[in-house]
C-alpha atoms as a PDB file:
ATOM      1  CA  GLU A   1      36.808  61.256 -72.184  1.00  0.00           C
ATOM      2  CA  VAL A   2      36.827  59.063 -75.273  1.00  0.00           C
ATOM      3  CA  GLN A   3      38.580  60.786 -78.148  1.00  0.00           C
ATOM      4  CA  LEU A   4      40.274  60.163 -81.475  1.00  0.00           C
ATOM      5  CA  GLN A   5      42.952  62.455 -82.815  1.00  0.00           C
ATOM      6  CA  ALA A   6      43.788  62.345 -86.503  1.00  0.00           C
ATOM      7  CA  SER A   7      47.027  63.896 -87.698  1.00  0.00           C
ATOM      8  CA  GLY A   8      49.569  63.848 -90.489  1.00  0.00           C
ATOM      9  CA  GLY A   9      47.781  65.705 -93.231  1.00  0.00           C
ATOM     10  CA  GLY A  10      49.548  68.164 -95.471  1.00  0.00           C
ATOM     11  CA  LEU A  11      50.423  69.180 -98.999  1.00  0.00           C
ATOM     12  CA  VAL A  12      52.051  66.624-101.269  1.00  0.00           C
ATOM     13  CA  GLN A  13      52.704  66.384-104.981  1.00  0.00           C
ATOM     14  CA  ALA A  14      50.946  63.826-107.122  1.00  0.00           C
ATOM     15  CA  GLY A  15      52.772  60.518-106.933  1.00  0.00           C
ATOM     16  CA  GLY A  16      54.005  61.273-103.455  1.00  0.00           C
ATOM     17  CA  SER A  17      53.335  59.624-100.104  1.00  0.00           C
ATOM     18  CA  LEU A  18      51.895  60.622 -96.780  1.00  0.00           C
ATOM     19  CA  THR A  19      51.081  58.786 -93.562  1.00  0.00           C
ATOM     20  CA  LEU A  20      48.121  59.700 -91.415  1.00  0.00           C
ATOM     21  CA  SER A  21      47.771  58.672 -87.789  1.00  0.00           C
ATOM     22  CA  CYS A  22      44.750  58.175 -85.569  1.00  0.00           C
ATOM     23  CA  ALA A  23      45.458  58.118 -81.852  1.00  0.00           C
ATOM     24  CA  ALA A  24      42.939  57.045 -79.233  1.00  0.00           C
ATOM     25  CA  SER A  25      42.631  58.503 -75.773  1.00  0.00           C
ATOM     26  CA  GLY A  26      40.273  57.466 -73.016  1.00  0.00           C
ATOM     27  CA  PHE A  27      39.961  53.957 -74.436  1.00  0.00           C
ATOM     28  CA  THR A  28      41.978  51.263 -76.168  1.00  0.00           C
ATOM     29  CA  PHE A  29      41.363  49.750 -79.589  1.00  0.00           C
ATOM     30  CA  ASP A  30      40.653  46.276 -78.185  1.00  0.00           C
ATOM     31  CA  TYR A  31      37.732  44.736 -80.103  1.00  0.00           C
ATOM     32  CA  TYR A  32      37.279  47.903 -82.161  1.00  0.00           C
ATOM     33  CA  THR A  33      37.228  48.451 -85.880  1.00  0.00           C
ATOM     34  CA  ILE A  34      38.942  51.638 -86.972  1.00  0.00           C
ATOM     35  CA  GLY A  35      37.948  53.253 -90.210  1.00  0.00           C
ATOM     36  CA  TRP A  36      39.283  56.056 -92.368  1.00  0.00           C
ATOM     37  CA  PHE A  37      36.828  58.252 -94.223  1.00  0.00           C
ATOM     38  CA  ARG A  38      37.255  61.276 -96.413  1.00  0.00           C
ATOM     39  CA  GLN A  39      35.378  64.321 -97.532  1.00  0.00           C
ATOM     40  CA  ALA A  40      36.449  65.969-100.759  1.00  0.00           C
ATOM     41  CA  PRO A  41      36.135  69.750-101.158  1.00  0.00           C
ATOM     42  CA  GLY A  42      32.554  70.767-101.788  1.00  0.00           C
ATOM     43  CA  LYS A  43      31.250  67.246-101.268  1.00  0.00           C
ATOM     44  CA  GLU A  44      29.709  65.304 -98.440  1.00  0.00           C
ATOM     45  CA  ARG A  45      31.731  62.791 -96.500  1.00  0.00           C
ATOM     46  CA  GLU A  46      31.694  59.469 -98.277  1.00  0.00           C
ATOM     47  CA  GLY A  47      29.345  56.963 -96.735  1.00  0.00           C
ATOM     48  CA  VAL A  48      31.818  54.107 -97.009  1.00  0.00           C
ATOM     49  CA  GLY A  49      35.275  54.259 -95.566  1.00  0.00           C
ATOM     50  CA  ILE A  50      38.341  54.049 -97.740  1.00  0.00           C
ATOM     51  CA  ALA A  51      40.028  51.660 -95.315  1.00  0.00           C
ATOM     52  CA  CYS A  52      39.063  49.758 -92.192  1.00  0.00           C
ATOM     53  CA  ILE A  53      40.958  47.473 -89.866  1.00  0.00           C
ATOM     54  CA  ARG A  54      39.647  45.135 -87.168  1.00  0.00           C
ATOM     55  CA  SER A  55      41.663  44.829 -83.974  1.00  0.00           C
ATOM     56  CA  VAL A  56      40.306  41.311 -83.305  1.00  0.00           C
ATOM     57  CA  ASP A  57      42.080  39.712 -86.229  1.00  0.00           C
ATOM     58  CA  GLY A  58      43.823  42.485 -88.117  1.00  0.00           C
ATOM     59  CA  SER A  59      41.622  41.968 -91.150  1.00  0.00           C
ATOM     60  CA  THR A  60      41.328  44.933 -93.470  1.00  0.00           C
ATOM     61  CA  TYR A  61      38.964  46.425 -95.984  1.00  0.00           C
ATOM     62  CA  TYR A  62      39.859  48.837 -98.769  1.00  0.00           C
ATOM     63  CA  ARG A  63      37.800  50.750-101.260  1.00  0.00           C
ATOM     64  CA  ASP A  64      38.686  49.917-104.854  1.00  0.00           C
ATOM     65  CA  SER A  65      39.866  53.470-105.398  1.00  0.00           C
ATOM     66  CA  VAL A  66      42.718  53.069-102.894  1.00  0.00           C
ATOM     67  CA  LYS A  67      43.570  49.378-103.154  1.00  0.00           C
ATOM     68  CA  GLY A  68      47.246  48.851-103.744  1.00  0.00           C
ATOM     69  CA  ARG A  69      48.051  52.437-102.802  1.00  0.00           C
ATOM     70  CA  PHE A  70      46.896  52.770 -99.192  1.00  0.00           C
ATOM     71  CA  THR A  71      47.743  50.539 -96.245  1.00  0.00           C
ATOM     72  CA  VAL A  72      46.086  50.645 -92.840  1.00  0.00           C
ATOM     73  CA  SER A  73      47.853  49.209 -89.802  1.00  0.00           C
ATOM     74  CA  PHE A  74      47.863  49.140 -86.014  1.00  0.00           C
ATOM     75  CA  ASP A  75      50.583  50.419 -83.726  1.00  0.00           C
ATOM     76  CA  ASN A  76      49.357  48.711 -80.570  1.00  0.00           C
ATOM     77  CA  ALA A  77      52.108  50.102 -78.393  1.00  0.00           C
ATOM     78  CA  LYS A  78      50.924  53.595 -79.147  1.00  0.00           C
ATOM     79  CA  ASN A  79      47.199  52.794 -79.396  1.00  0.00           C
ATOM     80  CA  THR A  80      47.345  54.325 -82.846  1.00  0.00           C
ATOM     81  CA  VAL A  81      46.243  53.375 -86.335  1.00  0.00           C
ATOM     82  CA  HIS A  82      48.224  54.534 -89.352  1.00  0.00           C
ATOM     83  CA  LEU A  83      47.109  55.045 -92.915  1.00  0.00           C
ATOM     84  CA  GLN A  84      50.048  54.927 -95.300  1.00  0.00           C
ATOM     85  CA  MET A  85      49.148  56.569 -98.572  1.00  0.00           C
ATOM     86  CA  SER A  86      51.302  56.306-101.654  1.00  0.00           C
ATOM     87  CA  SER A  87      50.985  57.114-105.346  1.00  0.00           C
ATOM     88  CA  LEU A  88      48.715  59.933-104.320  1.00  0.00           C
ATOM     89  CA  LYS A  89      46.480  61.528-106.920  1.00  0.00           C
ATOM     90  CA  PRO A  90      44.841  64.952-107.011  1.00  0.00           C
ATOM     91  CA  GLU A  91      41.478  63.220-106.531  1.00  0.00           C
ATOM     92  CA  ASP A  92      42.710  62.006-103.131  1.00  0.00           C
ATOM     93  CA  THR A  93      42.518  65.599-101.928  1.00  0.00           C
ATOM     94  CA  ALA A  94      40.117  65.633 -98.990  1.00  0.00           C
ATOM     95  CA  VAL A  95      39.705  66.016 -95.282  1.00  0.00           C
ATOM     96  CA  TYR A  96      40.431  62.607 -93.796  1.00  0.00           C
ATOM     97  CA  PHE A  97      38.642  61.392 -90.668  1.00  0.00           C
ATOM     98  CA  CYS A  98      39.203  58.375 -88.489  1.00  0.00           C
ATOM     99  CA  ALA A  99      36.446  56.643 -86.594  1.00  0.00           C
ATOM    100  CA  ALA A 100      36.056  53.666 -84.283  1.00  0.00           C
ATOM    101  CA  ASP A 101      33.359  51.305 -83.138  1.00  0.00           C
ATOM    102  CA  ARG A 102      32.885  47.775 -81.879  1.00  0.00           C
ATOM    103  CA  ALA A 103      29.790  46.992 -83.917  1.00  0.00           C
ATOM    104  CA  VAL A 104      31.179  47.029 -87.451  1.00  0.00           C
ATOM    105  CA  VAL A 105      30.480  43.932 -89.499  1.00  0.00           C
ATOM    106  CA  ALA A 106      33.606  42.211 -90.756  1.00  0.00           C
ATOM    107  CA  GLY A 107      34.456  43.016 -94.340  1.00  0.00           C
ATOM    108  CA  THR A 108      32.496  46.259 -94.353  1.00  0.00           C
ATOM    109  CA  CYS A 109      33.275  49.861 -93.573  1.00  0.00           C
ATOM    110  CA  PRO A 110      30.038  51.881 -93.530  1.00  0.00           C
ATOM    111  CA  GLU A 111      29.931  55.304 -91.983  1.00  0.00           C
ATOM    112  CA  TYR A 112      26.703  54.627 -90.099  1.00  0.00           C
ATOM    113  CA  ASP A 113      28.326  51.849 -88.034  1.00  0.00           C
ATOM    114  CA  PHE A 114      30.874  54.158 -86.439  1.00  0.00           C
ATOM    115  CA  GLY A 115      30.113  56.051 -83.244  1.00  0.00           C
ATOM    116  CA  ILE A 116      33.431  57.582 -82.234  1.00  0.00           C
ATOM    117  CA  TRP A 117      34.879  60.173 -84.599  1.00  0.00           C
ATOM    118  CA  GLY A 118      38.001  62.240 -84.642  1.00  0.00           C
ATOM    119  CA  GLN A 119      38.401  65.645 -86.187  1.00  0.00           C
ATOM    120  CA  GLY A 120      39.611  65.713 -89.756  1.00  0.00           C
ATOM    121  CA  THR A 121      43.055  66.269 -91.156  1.00  0.00           C
ATOM    122  CA  LEU A 122      43.440  67.868 -94.579  1.00  0.00           C
ATOM    123  CA  VAL A 123      45.358  66.170 -97.346  1.00  0.00           C
ATOM    124  CA  THR A 124      46.021  68.218-100.456  1.00  0.00           C
ATOM    125  CA  VAL A 125      47.568  66.565-103.506  1.00  0.00           C
ATOM    126  CA  SER A 126      48.846  68.949-106.120  1.00  0.00           C
ATOM    127  CA  SER A 127      49.114  68.020-109.781  1.00  0.00           C
END
């Protein structure tokens, strides 16, 4: 069965750091784009990912709101993608989801292009 497992969420103070992980089972990330999305409390999940990474060439995409603070990377040995988050702000509080697909256009990270989704992991940033 094809699955994604997101983990690493928790409570952190503003200015702190946290690393999320997205592990694949039942498939490998070859030729996939992996995206991170978030859903803030009381809001719908954002239609554009905050970060995406392509396994073909390692190219990345970041939303302006997280540029310079978040870094997405592959751990090929573990078939896992990490999202390193630093300088966290209270507005980063959300449930974070990872997703994967092979049909994502380079340089983009739209929710509707992703067909495999993991469950969310909650990140809470206190002020």
